[in-house]
Amino acid sequence: MNGTAVWALRRSASGAPILLLSLPLLGVARLLPENGFGLWLRLVAASLVLLLPGALLARALHLRGASATVAWGLGALGPALLLVFVVHSSILLALAVLGVVGVVALPFALRVVSGPPAWDTLVVAFCGLAFGIALWHVAGVVSGDALFHLGRVQKLYSFGDLHVRSVDEFADGGLHPGYAFPLWHAFLALVAKVGGVGPAEVMLHEPSAIVPVAFAVVYEAGLALFRSAWLGAAVLTAAVSVIALAPGHGGSFALLSQPGTLDRHVLVAAALTLDRRRGAARAHEHRRLPRRAAARFRRCTRASDS
């Protein structure tokens, strides 16, 4: 192999998102039993695989981090679910659309060389992984509002002729204003499909699988807001203490499979991070404008002198 090929291989490897490892992880998980450790690994791997198209899109757009992955992952699922409702197909069509999005975005993502992954975010995610394992043991049973959400996930998982009215709470009822477009329910239904598990297991134990993502997103929000890794860790510690530890039995983190909880504790933090990063990028660009103008003026002056 010549030097150019080696350089190209290293360049592609450096541009590859770490979530690509979720594909072989899912293959290993599907070989394990559908209970205990096998169930947990299936949920983790399936969740990461479904976020992979978003990670590739974000990388292609020169965006990094868990917040961008979550935003673009759910953003890619939105049009896919809309297509399902328009053509009255099954949820598998949305999975196919996500696959196409990932394949199309992959070569563009591999062209982007952005250095090694953010190791601080990875460490935080692994801490979330440990917290998720502890959360598994306090999951209890599906009850309360979770039963209504489970009903929607089960319909999306099972029905083959889906439309907006397919996921109503009652046969003759109207659309629920908060869940007229059940994006997070569709994500959970796809986790069940990809992981080869039942919707009830997903509804009960998905918080354990998604907690690492929540940890990373909250940490990134603190980091973007205060521009300090230590203060980002402090924000995460405060959030976990108040939201999960103080109420006992996992607190709201045990309800991350419900869309309202996910909105408050993950999507809001992701939106804050992306907004702060966008503002910082604009400020940096504005600071560079005078230097660019001065350099252009010097070049014009030299050209006129010669």
C-alpha atoms as a PDB file:
ATOM      1  CA  MET A   1       0.000   0.000   0.000  1.00  0.00           C
ATOM      2  CA  ASN A   2       1.506   3.324  -1.072  1.00  0.00           C
ATOM      3  CA  GLY A   3       1.742   6.423   1.062  1.00  0.00           C
ATOM      4  CA  THR A   4      -1.252   8.118  -0.541  1.00  0.00           C
ATOM      5  CA  ALA A   5      -3.497   5.140   0.203  1.00  0.00           C
ATOM      6  CA  VAL A   6      -2.300   4.998   3.803  1.00  0.00           C
ATOM      7  CA  TRP A   7      -2.980   8.728   4.205  1.00  0.00           C
ATOM      8  CA  ALA A   8      -6.467   8.339   2.715  1.00  0.00           C
ATOM      9  CA  LEU A   9      -7.206   5.413   5.022  1.00  0.00           C
ATOM     10  CA  ARG A  10      -6.075   7.351   8.098  1.00  0.00           C
ATOM     11  CA  ARG A  11      -8.061  10.385   6.970  1.00  0.00           C
ATOM     12  CA  SER A  12     -11.240   8.314   6.589  1.00  0.00           C
ATOM     13  CA  ALA A  13     -10.698   6.651   9.959  1.00  0.00           C
ATOM     14  CA  SER A  14     -10.239  10.005  11.675  1.00  0.00           C
ATOM     15  CA  GLY A  15     -13.477  11.264  10.112  1.00  0.00           C
ATOM     16  CA  ALA A  16     -15.529   8.218  11.032  1.00  0.00           C
ATOM     17  CA  PRO A  17     -18.002   8.839  13.887  1.00  0.00           C
ATOM     18  CA  ILE A  18     -17.526   6.574  16.859  1.00  0.00           C
ATOM     19  CA  LEU A  19     -21.202   5.573  16.609  1.00  0.00           C
ATOM     20  CA  LEU A  20     -20.300   3.386  13.619  1.00  0.00           C
ATOM     21  CA  LEU A  21     -19.235   0.872  16.258  1.00  0.00           C
ATOM     22  CA  SER A  22     -22.912   0.491  17.162  1.00  0.00           C
ATOM     23  CA  LEU A  23     -23.458  -1.646  14.034  1.00  0.00           C
ATOM     24  CA  PRO A  24     -21.200  -4.550  15.074  1.00  0.00           C
ATOM     25  CA  LEU A  25     -22.377  -4.039  18.667  1.00  0.00           C
ATOM     26  CA  LEU A  26     -25.952  -4.634  17.535  1.00  0.00           C
ATOM     27  CA  GLY A  27     -24.886  -7.779  15.722  1.00  0.00           C
ATOM     28  CA  VAL A  28     -23.313  -9.130  18.901  1.00  0.00           C
ATOM     29  CA  ALA A  29     -26.323  -8.088  20.985  1.00  0.00           C
ATOM     30  CA  ARG A  30     -28.761  -9.918  18.707  1.00  0.00           C
ATOM     31  CA  LEU A  31     -26.866 -13.146  19.419  1.00  0.00           C
ATOM     32  CA  LEU A  32     -27.544 -12.846  23.155  1.00  0.00           C
ATOM     33  CA  PRO A  33     -30.779 -13.829  24.958  1.00  0.00           C
ATOM     34  CA  GLU A  34     -33.675 -11.357  25.095  1.00  0.00           C
ATOM     35  CA  ASN A  35     -33.410 -10.894  28.847  1.00  0.00           C
ATOM     36  CA  GLY A  36     -30.974  -9.583  31.429  1.00  0.00           C
ATOM     37  CA  PHE A  37     -27.683  -8.387  29.997  1.00  0.00           C
ATOM     38  CA  GLY A  38     -28.726  -9.377  26.489  1.00  0.00           C
ATOM     39  CA  LEU A  39     -31.834  -7.189  26.659  1.00  0.00           C
ATOM     40  CA  TRP A  40     -29.855  -4.238  28.010  1.00  0.00           C
ATOM     41  CA  LEU A  41     -27.207  -4.548  25.286  1.00  0.00           C
ATOM     42  CA  ARG A  42     -29.894  -4.813  22.597  1.00  0.00           C
ATOM     43  CA  LEU A  43     -31.540  -1.617  23.799  1.00  0.00           C
ATOM     44  CA  VAL A  44     -28.248   0.280  23.959  1.00  0.00           C
ATOM     45  CA  ALA A  45     -27.085  -0.916  20.545  1.00  0.00           C
ATOM     46  CA  ALA A  46     -30.450  -0.342  18.853  1.00  0.00           C
ATOM     47  CA  SER A  47     -30.709   3.182  20.273  1.00  0.00           C
ATOM     48  CA  LEU A  48     -27.221   4.071  19.053  1.00  0.00           C
ATOM     49  CA  VAL A  49     -27.871   2.585  15.605  1.00  0.00           C
ATOM     50  CA  LEU A  50     -30.988   4.741  15.228  1.00  0.00           C
ATOM     51  CA  LEU A  51     -28.972   7.837  16.202  1.00  0.00           C
ATOM     52  CA  LEU A  52     -26.216   6.939  13.724  1.00  0.00           C
ATOM     53  CA  PRO A  53     -27.798   8.691  10.681  1.00  0.00           C
ATOM     54  CA  GLY A  54     -28.034  11.857  12.767  1.00  0.00           C
ATOM     55  CA  ALA A  55     -24.393  11.525  13.783  1.00  0.00           C
ATOM     56  CA  LEU A  56     -23.359  11.159  10.125  1.00  0.00           C
ATOM     57  CA  LEU A  57     -25.451  14.160   9.079  1.00  0.00           C
ATOM     58  CA  ALA A  58     -24.013  16.250  11.900  1.00  0.00           C
ATOM     59  CA  ARG A  59     -20.451  15.252  11.002  1.00  0.00           C
ATOM     60  CA  ALA A  60     -21.069  16.068   7.329  1.00  0.00           C
ATOM     61  CA  LEU A  61     -22.208  19.542   8.445  1.00  0.00           C
ATOM     62  CA  HIS A  62     -19.077  19.941  10.616  1.00  0.00           C
ATOM     63  CA  LEU A  63     -21.068  19.573  13.843  1.00  0.00           C
ATOM     64  CA  ARG A  64     -19.871  17.397  16.694  1.00  0.00           C
ATOM     65  CA  GLY A  65     -21.140  16.143  19.996  1.00  0.00           C
ATOM     66  CA  ALA A  66     -24.054  14.288  21.501  1.00  0.00           C
ATOM     67  CA  SER A  67     -26.362  17.298  21.211  1.00  0.00           C
ATOM     68  CA  ALA A  68     -25.927  17.539  17.448  1.00  0.00           C
ATOM     69  CA  THR A  69     -26.368  13.779  17.142  1.00  0.00           C
ATOM     70  CA  VAL A  70     -29.649  13.802  19.066  1.00  0.00           C
ATOM     71  CA  ALA A  71     -30.973  16.849  17.201  1.00  0.00           C
ATOM     72  CA  TRP A  72     -30.147  15.533  13.754  1.00  0.00           C
ATOM     73  CA  GLY A  73     -31.075  11.953  14.663  1.00  0.00           C
ATOM     74  CA  LEU A  74     -34.613  12.906  15.637  1.00  0.00           C
ATOM     75  CA  GLY A  75     -34.647  15.479  12.849  1.00  0.00           C
ATOM     76  CA  ALA A  76     -34.004  12.736  10.297  1.00  0.00           C
ATOM     77  CA  LEU A  77     -36.698  10.552  11.844  1.00  0.00           C
ATOM     78  CA  GLY A  78     -39.307  13.319  11.496  1.00  0.00           C
ATOM     79  CA  PRO A  79     -39.565  13.315   7.672  1.00  0.00           C
ATOM     80  CA  ALA A  80     -39.277   9.521   7.666  1.00  0.00           C
ATOM     81  CA  LEU A  81     -42.280   9.208   9.997  1.00  0.00           C
ATOM     82  CA  LEU A  82     -44.186  11.795   7.960  1.00  0.00           C
ATOM     83  CA  LEU A  83     -43.651   9.660   4.846  1.00  0.00           C
ATOM     84  CA  VAL A  84     -44.996   6.640   6.733  1.00  0.00           C
ATOM     85  CA  PHE A  85     -48.197   8.518   7.570  1.00  0.00           C
ATOM     86  CA  VAL A  86     -48.571   9.921   4.044  1.00  0.00           C
ATOM     87  CA  VAL A  87     -48.302   6.572   2.242  1.00  0.00           C
ATOM     88  CA  HIS A  88     -50.001   4.596   5.057  1.00  0.00           C
ATOM     89  CA  SER A  89     -47.108   2.172   5.417  1.00  0.00           C
ATOM     90  CA  SER A  90     -45.534   0.419   8.400  1.00  0.00           C
ATOM     91  CA  ILE A  91     -42.833   1.805  10.662  1.00  0.00           C
ATOM     92  CA  LEU A  92     -40.287  -0.243   8.702  1.00  0.00           C
ATOM     93  CA  LEU A  93     -40.478   2.370   5.944  1.00  0.00           C
ATOM     94  CA  ALA A  94     -39.104   4.946   8.388  1.00  0.00           C
ATOM     95  CA  LEU A  95     -36.254   2.566   9.197  1.00  0.00           C
ATOM     96  CA  ALA A  96     -35.494   2.223   5.490  1.00  0.00           C
ATOM     97  CA  VAL A  97     -35.473   6.011   5.073  1.00  0.00           C
ATOM     98  CA  LEU A  98     -33.050   6.365   7.980  1.00  0.00           C
ATOM     99  CA  GLY A  99     -30.835   3.758   6.352  1.00  0.00           C
ATOM    100  CA  VAL A 100     -30.811   5.700   3.080  1.00  0.00           C
ATOM    101  CA  VAL A 101     -30.014   8.932   4.953  1.00  0.00           C
ATOM    102  CA  GLY A 102     -27.099   7.245   6.688  1.00  0.00           C
ATOM    103  CA  VAL A 103     -25.701   5.753   3.473  1.00  0.00           C
ATOM    104  CA  VAL A 104     -25.939   9.088   1.637  1.00  0.00           C
ATOM    105  CA  ALA A 105     -24.358  11.038   4.504  1.00  0.00           C
ATOM    106  CA  LEU A 106     -21.552   8.536   5.159  1.00  0.00           C
ATOM    107  CA  PRO A 107     -19.113   9.582   2.376  1.00  0.00           C
ATOM    108  CA  PHE A 108     -19.542  13.259   3.246  1.00  0.00           C
ATOM    109  CA  ALA A 109     -18.983  12.505   6.938  1.00  0.00           C
ATOM    110  CA  LEU A 110     -15.808  10.551   6.175  1.00  0.00           C
ATOM    111  CA  ARG A 111     -14.380  13.526   4.304  1.00  0.00           C
ATOM    112  CA  VAL A 112     -14.533  15.678   7.409  1.00  0.00           C
ATOM    113  CA  VAL A 113     -11.371  15.442   9.511  1.00  0.00           C
ATOM    114  CA  SER A 114     -12.136  16.833  12.938  1.00  0.00           C
ATOM    115  CA  GLY A 115      -9.572  15.095  15.087  1.00  0.00           C
ATOM    116  CA  PRO A 116     -10.150  12.521  17.825  1.00  0.00           C
ATOM    117  CA  PRO A 117     -13.482  12.285  19.636  1.00  0.00           C
ATOM    118  CA  ALA A 118     -14.180  14.511  22.614  1.00  0.00           C
ATOM    119  CA  TRP A 119     -12.811  12.295  25.345  1.00  0.00           C
ATOM    120  CA  ASP A 120     -14.416  14.295  28.123  1.00  0.00           C
ATOM    121  CA  THR A 121     -17.862  13.680  26.608  1.00  0.00           C
ATOM    122  CA  LEU A 122     -17.046   9.987  26.207  1.00  0.00           C
ATOM    123  CA  VAL A 123     -16.041   9.738  29.860  1.00  0.00           C
ATOM    124  CA  VAL A 124     -19.310  11.414  30.854  1.00  0.00           C
ATOM    125  CA  ALA A 125     -21.246   9.012  28.620  1.00  0.00           C
ATOM    126  CA  PHE A 126     -19.560   6.024  30.267  1.00  0.00           C
ATOM    127  CA  CYS A 127     -20.548   7.440  33.651  1.00  0.00           C
ATOM    128  CA  GLY A 128     -24.088   7.589  32.311  1.00  0.00           C
ATOM    129  CA  LEU A 129     -23.741   3.984  31.225  1.00  0.00           C
ATOM    130  CA  ALA A 130     -22.931   2.984  34.798  1.00  0.00           C
ATOM    131  CA  PHE A 131     -25.843   5.073  36.081  1.00  0.00           C
ATOM    132  CA  GLY A 132     -28.115   3.395  33.542  1.00  0.00           C
ATOM    133  CA  ILE A 133     -27.129  -0.039  34.852  1.00  0.00           C
ATOM    134  CA  ALA A 134     -28.099   1.079  38.349  1.00  0.00           C
ATOM    135  CA  LEU A 135     -31.328   2.531  36.954  1.00  0.00           C
ATOM    136  CA  TRP A 136     -32.196  -0.866  35.472  1.00  0.00           C
ATOM    137  CA  HIS A 137     -32.669  -2.329  38.946  1.00  0.00           C
ATOM    138  CA  VAL A 138     -35.248   0.278  40.017  1.00  0.00           C
ATOM    139  CA  ALA A 139     -37.307   0.170  36.826  1.00  0.00           C
ATOM    140  CA  GLY A 140     -40.306  -1.525  38.457  1.00  0.00           C
ATOM    141  CA  VAL A 141     -43.254  -2.033  36.099  1.00  0.00           C
ATOM    142  CA  VAL A 142     -44.970  -0.020  33.358  1.00  0.00           C
ATOM    143  CA  SER A 143     -47.702   1.976  35.080  1.00  0.00           C
ATOM    144  CA  GLY A 144     -49.492   5.319  35.104  1.00  0.00           C
ATOM    145  CA  ASP A 145     -48.984   7.535  32.057  1.00  0.00           C
ATOM    146  CA  ALA A 146     -46.453   5.047  30.706  1.00  0.00           C
ATOM    147  CA  LEU A 147     -49.338   2.734  29.808  1.00  0.00           C
ATOM    148  CA  PHE A 148     -50.771   5.318  27.405  1.00  0.00           C
ATOM    149  CA  HIS A 149     -47.354   5.842  25.832  1.00  0.00           C
ATOM    150  CA  LEU A 150     -46.879   2.092  25.589  1.00  0.00           C
ATOM    151  CA  GLY A 151     -50.179   1.868  23.710  1.00  0.00           C
ATOM    152  CA  ARG A 152     -48.924   4.306  21.081  1.00  0.00           C
ATOM    153  CA  VAL A 153     -45.587   2.538  20.765  1.00  0.00           C
ATOM    154  CA  GLN A 154     -47.360  -0.820  20.409  1.00  0.00           C
ATOM    155  CA  LYS A 155     -49.570   0.534  17.599  1.00  0.00           C
ATOM    156  CA  LEU A 156     -46.606   1.978  15.734  1.00  0.00           C
ATOM    157  CA  TYR A 157     -44.764  -1.304  16.222  1.00  0.00           C
ATOM    158  CA  SER A 158     -47.600  -3.567  15.103  1.00  0.00           C
ATOM    159  CA  PHE A 159     -49.824  -1.778  12.576  1.00  0.00           C
ATOM    160  CA  GLY A 160     -49.046  -2.013   8.874  1.00  0.00           C
ATOM    161  CA  ASP A 161     -51.357   0.766   7.641  1.00  0.00           C
ATOM    162  CA  LEU A 162     -50.285   3.686   9.775  1.00  0.00           C
ATOM    163  CA  HIS A 163     -51.761   7.157   9.623  1.00  0.00           C
ATOM    164  CA  VAL A 164     -52.094   9.969  12.146  1.00  0.00           C
ATOM    165  CA  ARG A 165     -55.354   8.624  13.565  1.00  0.00           C
ATOM    166  CA  SER A 166     -53.862   5.160  14.037  1.00  0.00           C
ATOM    167  CA  VAL A 167     -52.228   6.185  17.296  1.00  0.00           C
ATOM    168  CA  ASP A 168     -55.256   7.787  18.972  1.00  0.00           C
ATOM    169  CA  GLU A 169     -55.793   6.851  22.600  1.00  0.00           C
ATOM    170  CA  PHE A 170     -59.368   5.694  21.923  1.00  0.00           C
ATOM    171  CA  ALA A 171     -61.034   4.162  18.893  1.00  0.00           C
ATOM    172  CA  ASP A 172     -63.459   7.058  18.428  1.00  0.00           C
ATOM    173  CA  GLY A 173     -61.338   9.740  20.072  1.00  0.00           C
ATOM    174  CA  GLY A 174     -59.617  12.723  18.521  1.00  0.00           C
ATOM    175  CA  LEU A 175     -55.970  13.596  18.179  1.00  0.00           C
ATOM    176  CA  HIS A 176     -54.074  14.284  21.371  1.00  0.00           C
ATOM    177  CA  PRO A 177     -52.667  17.807  20.923  1.00  0.00           C
ATOM    178  CA  GLY A 178     -49.366  16.832  22.508  1.00  0.00           C
ATOM    179  CA  TYR A 179     -48.845  13.619  20.536  1.00  0.00           C
ATOM    180  CA  ALA A 180     -50.427  14.317  17.151  1.00  0.00           C
ATOM    181  CA  PHE A 181     -47.025  13.555  15.621  1.00  0.00           C
ATOM    182  CA  PRO A 182     -45.556  10.814  17.854  1.00  0.00           C
ATOM    183  CA  LEU A 183     -41.877  11.243  17.031  1.00  0.00           C
ATOM    184  CA  TRP A 184     -40.428   9.797  20.242  1.00  0.00           C
ATOM    185  CA  HIS A 185     -42.955   6.961  20.240  1.00  0.00           C
ATOM    186  CA  ALA A 186     -41.783   6.103  16.733  1.00  0.00           C
ATOM    187  CA  PHE A 187     -38.173   6.072  17.946  1.00  0.00           C
ATOM    188  CA  LEU A 188     -39.118   3.607  20.684  1.00  0.00           C
ATOM    189  CA  ALA A 189     -41.031   1.435  18.216  1.00  0.00           C
ATOM    190  CA  LEU A 190     -37.958   1.345  15.976  1.00  0.00           C
ATOM    191  CA  VAL A 191     -35.772   0.432  18.953  1.00  0.00           C
ATOM    192  CA  ALA A 192     -38.063  -2.558  19.481  1.00  0.00           C
ATOM    193  CA  LYS A 193     -37.861  -3.500  15.787  1.00  0.00           C
ATOM    194  CA  VAL A 194     -34.099  -3.107  15.478  1.00  0.00           C
ATOM    195  CA  GLY A 195     -33.334  -4.685  18.836  1.00  0.00           C
ATOM    196  CA  GLY A 196     -35.718  -7.594  18.377  1.00  0.00           C
ATOM    197  CA  VAL A 197     -37.503  -6.978  21.686  1.00  0.00           C
ATOM    198  CA  GLY A 198     -41.062  -6.166  22.688  1.00  0.00           C
ATOM    199  CA  PRO A 199     -42.404  -2.612  23.094  1.00  0.00           C
ATOM    200  CA  ALA A 200     -43.161  -3.272  26.770  1.00  0.00           C
ATOM    201  CA  GLU A 201     -39.490  -4.038  27.474  1.00  0.00           C
ATOM    202  CA  VAL A 202     -38.479  -0.916  25.568  1.00  0.00           C
ATOM    203  CA  MET A 203     -40.920   1.265  27.485  1.00  0.00           C
ATOM    204  CA  LEU A 204     -39.690  -0.090  30.813  1.00  0.00           C
ATOM    205  CA  HIS A 205     -35.931  -0.235  30.262  1.00  0.00           C
ATOM    206  CA  GLU A 206     -35.127   2.300  27.516  1.00  0.00           C
ATOM    207  CA  PRO A 207     -34.234   4.914  30.176  1.00  0.00           C
ATOM    208  CA  SER A 208     -31.287   2.715  31.159  1.00  0.00           C
ATOM    209  CA  ALA A 209     -30.108   2.724  27.537  1.00  0.00           C
ATOM    210  CA  ILE A 210     -30.640   6.427  26.843  1.00  0.00           C
ATOM    211  CA  VAL A 211     -29.173   7.778  30.109  1.00  0.00           C
ATOM    212  CA  PRO A 212     -25.607   7.918  28.671  1.00  0.00           C
ATOM    213  CA  VAL A 213     -26.900  10.201  25.919  1.00  0.00           C
ATOM    214  CA  ALA A 214     -28.721  12.334  28.498  1.00  0.00           C
ATOM    215  CA  PHE A 215     -25.552  12.636  30.588  1.00  0.00           C
ATOM    216  CA  ALA A 216     -23.504  13.698  27.561  1.00  0.00           C
ATOM    217  CA  VAL A 217     -26.087  16.244  26.398  1.00  0.00           C
ATOM    218  CA  VAL A 218     -26.457  17.866  29.827  1.00  0.00           C
ATOM    219  CA  TYR A 219     -22.675  18.011  30.225  1.00  0.00           C
ATOM    220  CA  GLU A 220     -22.317  19.637  26.806  1.00  0.00           C
ATOM    221  CA  ALA A 221     -24.945  22.218  27.762  1.00  0.00           C
ATOM    222  CA  GLY A 222     -22.967  23.192  30.858  1.00  0.00           C
ATOM    223  CA  LEU A 223     -19.747  23.227  28.851  1.00  0.00           C
ATOM    224  CA  ALA A 224     -21.252  25.436  26.135  1.00  0.00           C
ATOM    225  CA  LEU A 225     -22.814  27.793  28.670  1.00  0.00           C
ATOM    226  CA  PHE A 226     -19.831  28.276  30.985  1.00  0.00           C
ATOM    227  CA  ARG A 227     -16.967  27.277  28.644  1.00  0.00           C
ATOM    228  CA  SER A 228     -15.412  25.115  31.319  1.00  0.00           C
ATOM    229  CA  ALA A 229     -15.244  21.330  31.542  1.00  0.00           C
ATOM    230  CA  TRP A 230     -15.301  21.519  35.340  1.00  0.00           C
ATOM    231  CA  LEU A 231     -18.406  23.699  35.344  1.00  0.00           C
ATOM    232  CA  GLY A 232     -19.984  21.408  32.757  1.00  0.00           C
ATOM    233  CA  ALA A 233     -19.390  18.505  35.121  1.00  0.00           C
ATOM    234  CA  ALA A 234     -20.833  20.601  37.959  1.00  0.00           C
ATOM    235  CA  VAL A 235     -23.995  21.278  35.930  1.00  0.00           C
ATOM    236  CA  LEU A 236     -24.343  17.554  35.228  1.00  0.00           C
ATOM    237  CA  THR A 237     -23.801  16.680  38.901  1.00  0.00           C
ATOM    238  CA  ALA A 238     -26.398  19.207  40.009  1.00  0.00           C
ATOM    239  CA  ALA A 239     -28.914  17.995  37.435  1.00  0.00           C
ATOM    240  CA  VAL A 240     -28.479  14.336  38.352  1.00  0.00           C
ATOM    241  CA  SER A 241     -28.637  15.118  42.070  1.00  0.00           C
ATOM    242  CA  VAL A 242     -31.851  17.117  41.814  1.00  0.00           C
ATOM    243  CA  ILE A 243     -33.639  15.186  39.078  1.00  0.00           C
ATOM    244  CA  ALA A 244     -32.568  11.594  39.694  1.00  0.00           C
ATOM    245  CA  LEU A 245     -31.081  11.114  43.170  1.00  0.00           C
ATOM    246  CA  ALA A 246     -33.131  13.403  45.405  1.00  0.00           C
ATOM    247  CA  PRO A 247     -36.560  11.923  44.496  1.00  0.00           C
ATOM    248  CA  GLY A 248     -35.210   8.381  44.853  1.00  0.00           C
ATOM    249  CA  HIS A 249     -35.639   5.358  42.542  1.00  0.00           C
ATOM    250  CA  GLY A 250     -34.101   7.214  39.615  1.00  0.00           C
ATOM    251  CA  GLY A 251     -36.471  10.192  39.768  1.00  0.00           C
ATOM    252  CA  SER A 252     -37.363  11.603  36.377  1.00  0.00           C
ATOM    253  CA  PHE A 253     -34.493   9.716  34.746  1.00  0.00           C
ATOM    254  CA  ALA A 254     -36.506   6.537  35.226  1.00  0.00           C
ATOM    255  CA  LEU A 255     -39.164   8.131  32.985  1.00  0.00           C
ATOM    256  CA  LEU A 256     -36.927   9.064  30.041  1.00  0.00           C
ATOM    257  CA  SER A 257     -38.924   6.735  27.812  1.00  0.00           C
ATOM    258  CA  GLN A 258     -41.793   9.243  28.062  1.00  0.00           C
ATOM    259  CA  PRO A 259     -41.591  12.148  25.593  1.00  0.00           C
ATOM    260  CA  GLY A 260     -42.349  14.912  28.099  1.00  0.00           C
ATOM    261  CA  THR A 261     -39.469  13.878  30.331  1.00  0.00           C
ATOM    262  CA  LEU A 262     -37.117  13.554  27.386  1.00  0.00           C
ATOM    263  CA  ASP A 263     -38.081  17.037  26.163  1.00  0.00           C
ATOM    264  CA  ARG A 264     -37.319  18.678  29.508  1.00  0.00           C
ATOM    265  CA  HIS A 265     -34.093  16.914  30.381  1.00  0.00           C
ATOM    266  CA  VAL A 266     -32.485  16.135  26.993  1.00  0.00           C
ATOM    267  CA  LEU A 267     -33.909  18.148  24.103  1.00  0.00           C
ATOM    268  CA  VAL A 268     -33.893  21.471  25.954  1.00  0.00           C
ATOM    269  CA  ALA A 269     -30.237  20.950  26.904  1.00  0.00           C
ATOM    270  CA  ALA A 270     -29.379  19.944  23.319  1.00  0.00           C
ATOM    271  CA  ALA A 271     -31.081  23.068  21.945  1.00  0.00           C
ATOM    272  CA  LEU A 272     -29.181  25.253  24.426  1.00  0.00           C
ATOM    273  CA  THR A 273     -25.867  23.689  23.405  1.00  0.00           C
ATOM    274  CA  LEU A 274     -26.450  24.125  19.686  1.00  0.00           C
ATOM    275  CA  ASP A 275     -27.605  27.702  20.152  1.00  0.00           C
ATOM    276  CA  ARG A 276     -24.548  28.622  22.235  1.00  0.00           C
ATOM    277  CA  ARG A 277     -22.194  26.960  19.771  1.00  0.00           C
ATOM    278  CA  ARG A 278     -23.819  28.785  16.880  1.00  0.00           C
ATOM    279  CA  GLY A 279     -23.435  32.096  18.707  1.00  0.00           C
ATOM    280  CA  ALA A 280     -19.783  31.347  19.476  1.00  0.00           C
ATOM    281  CA  ALA A 281     -19.122  30.453  15.819  1.00  0.00           C
ATOM    282  CA  ARG A 282     -20.700  33.716  14.667  1.00  0.00           C
ATOM    283  CA  ALA A 283     -18.664  35.739  17.158  1.00  0.00           C
ATOM    284  CA  HIS A 284     -15.477  34.009  16.001  1.00  0.00           C
ATOM    285  CA  GLU A 285     -16.340  34.750  12.370  1.00  0.00           C
ATOM    286  CA  HIS A 286     -16.977  38.409  13.174  1.00  0.00           C
ATOM    287  CA  ARG A 287     -13.589  38.668  14.881  1.00  0.00           C
ATOM    288  CA  ARG A 288     -11.930  37.234  11.791  1.00  0.00           C
ATOM    289  CA  LEU A 289     -13.536  39.701   9.385  1.00  0.00           C
ATOM    290  CA  PRO A 290     -11.230  42.667  10.212  1.00  0.00           C
ATOM    291  CA  ARG A 291      -8.147  40.454   9.837  1.00  0.00           C
ATOM    292  CA  ARG A 292      -9.409  39.176   6.487  1.00  0.00           C
ATOM    293  CA  ALA A 293     -10.124  42.709   5.309  1.00  0.00           C
ATOM    294  CA  ALA A 294      -6.638  43.853   6.386  1.00  0.00           C
ATOM    295  CA  ALA A 295      -4.969  40.926   4.612  1.00  0.00           C
ATOM    296  CA  ARG A 296      -6.945  41.630   1.443  1.00  0.00           C
ATOM    297  CA  PHE A 297      -5.999  45.314   1.624  1.00  0.00           C
ATOM    298  CA  ARG A 298      -2.283  44.429   1.954  1.00  0.00           C
ATOM    299  CA  ARG A 299      -2.481  42.125  -1.062  1.00  0.00           C
ATOM    300  CA  CYS A 300      -4.162  44.837  -3.123  1.00  0.00           C
ATOM    301  CA  THR A 301      -1.526  47.367  -2.012  1.00  0.00           C
ATOM    302  CA  ARG A 302       1.328  45.068  -2.964  1.00  0.00           C
ATOM    303  CA  ALA A 303      -0.249  44.362  -6.327  1.00  0.00           C
ATOM    304  CA  SER A 304      -0.629  48.113  -7.053  1.00  0.00           C
ATOM    305  CA  ASP A 305       2.961  48.807  -5.994  1.00  0.00           C
ATOM    306  CA  SER A 306       4.333  46.130  -8.301  1.00  0.00           C
END
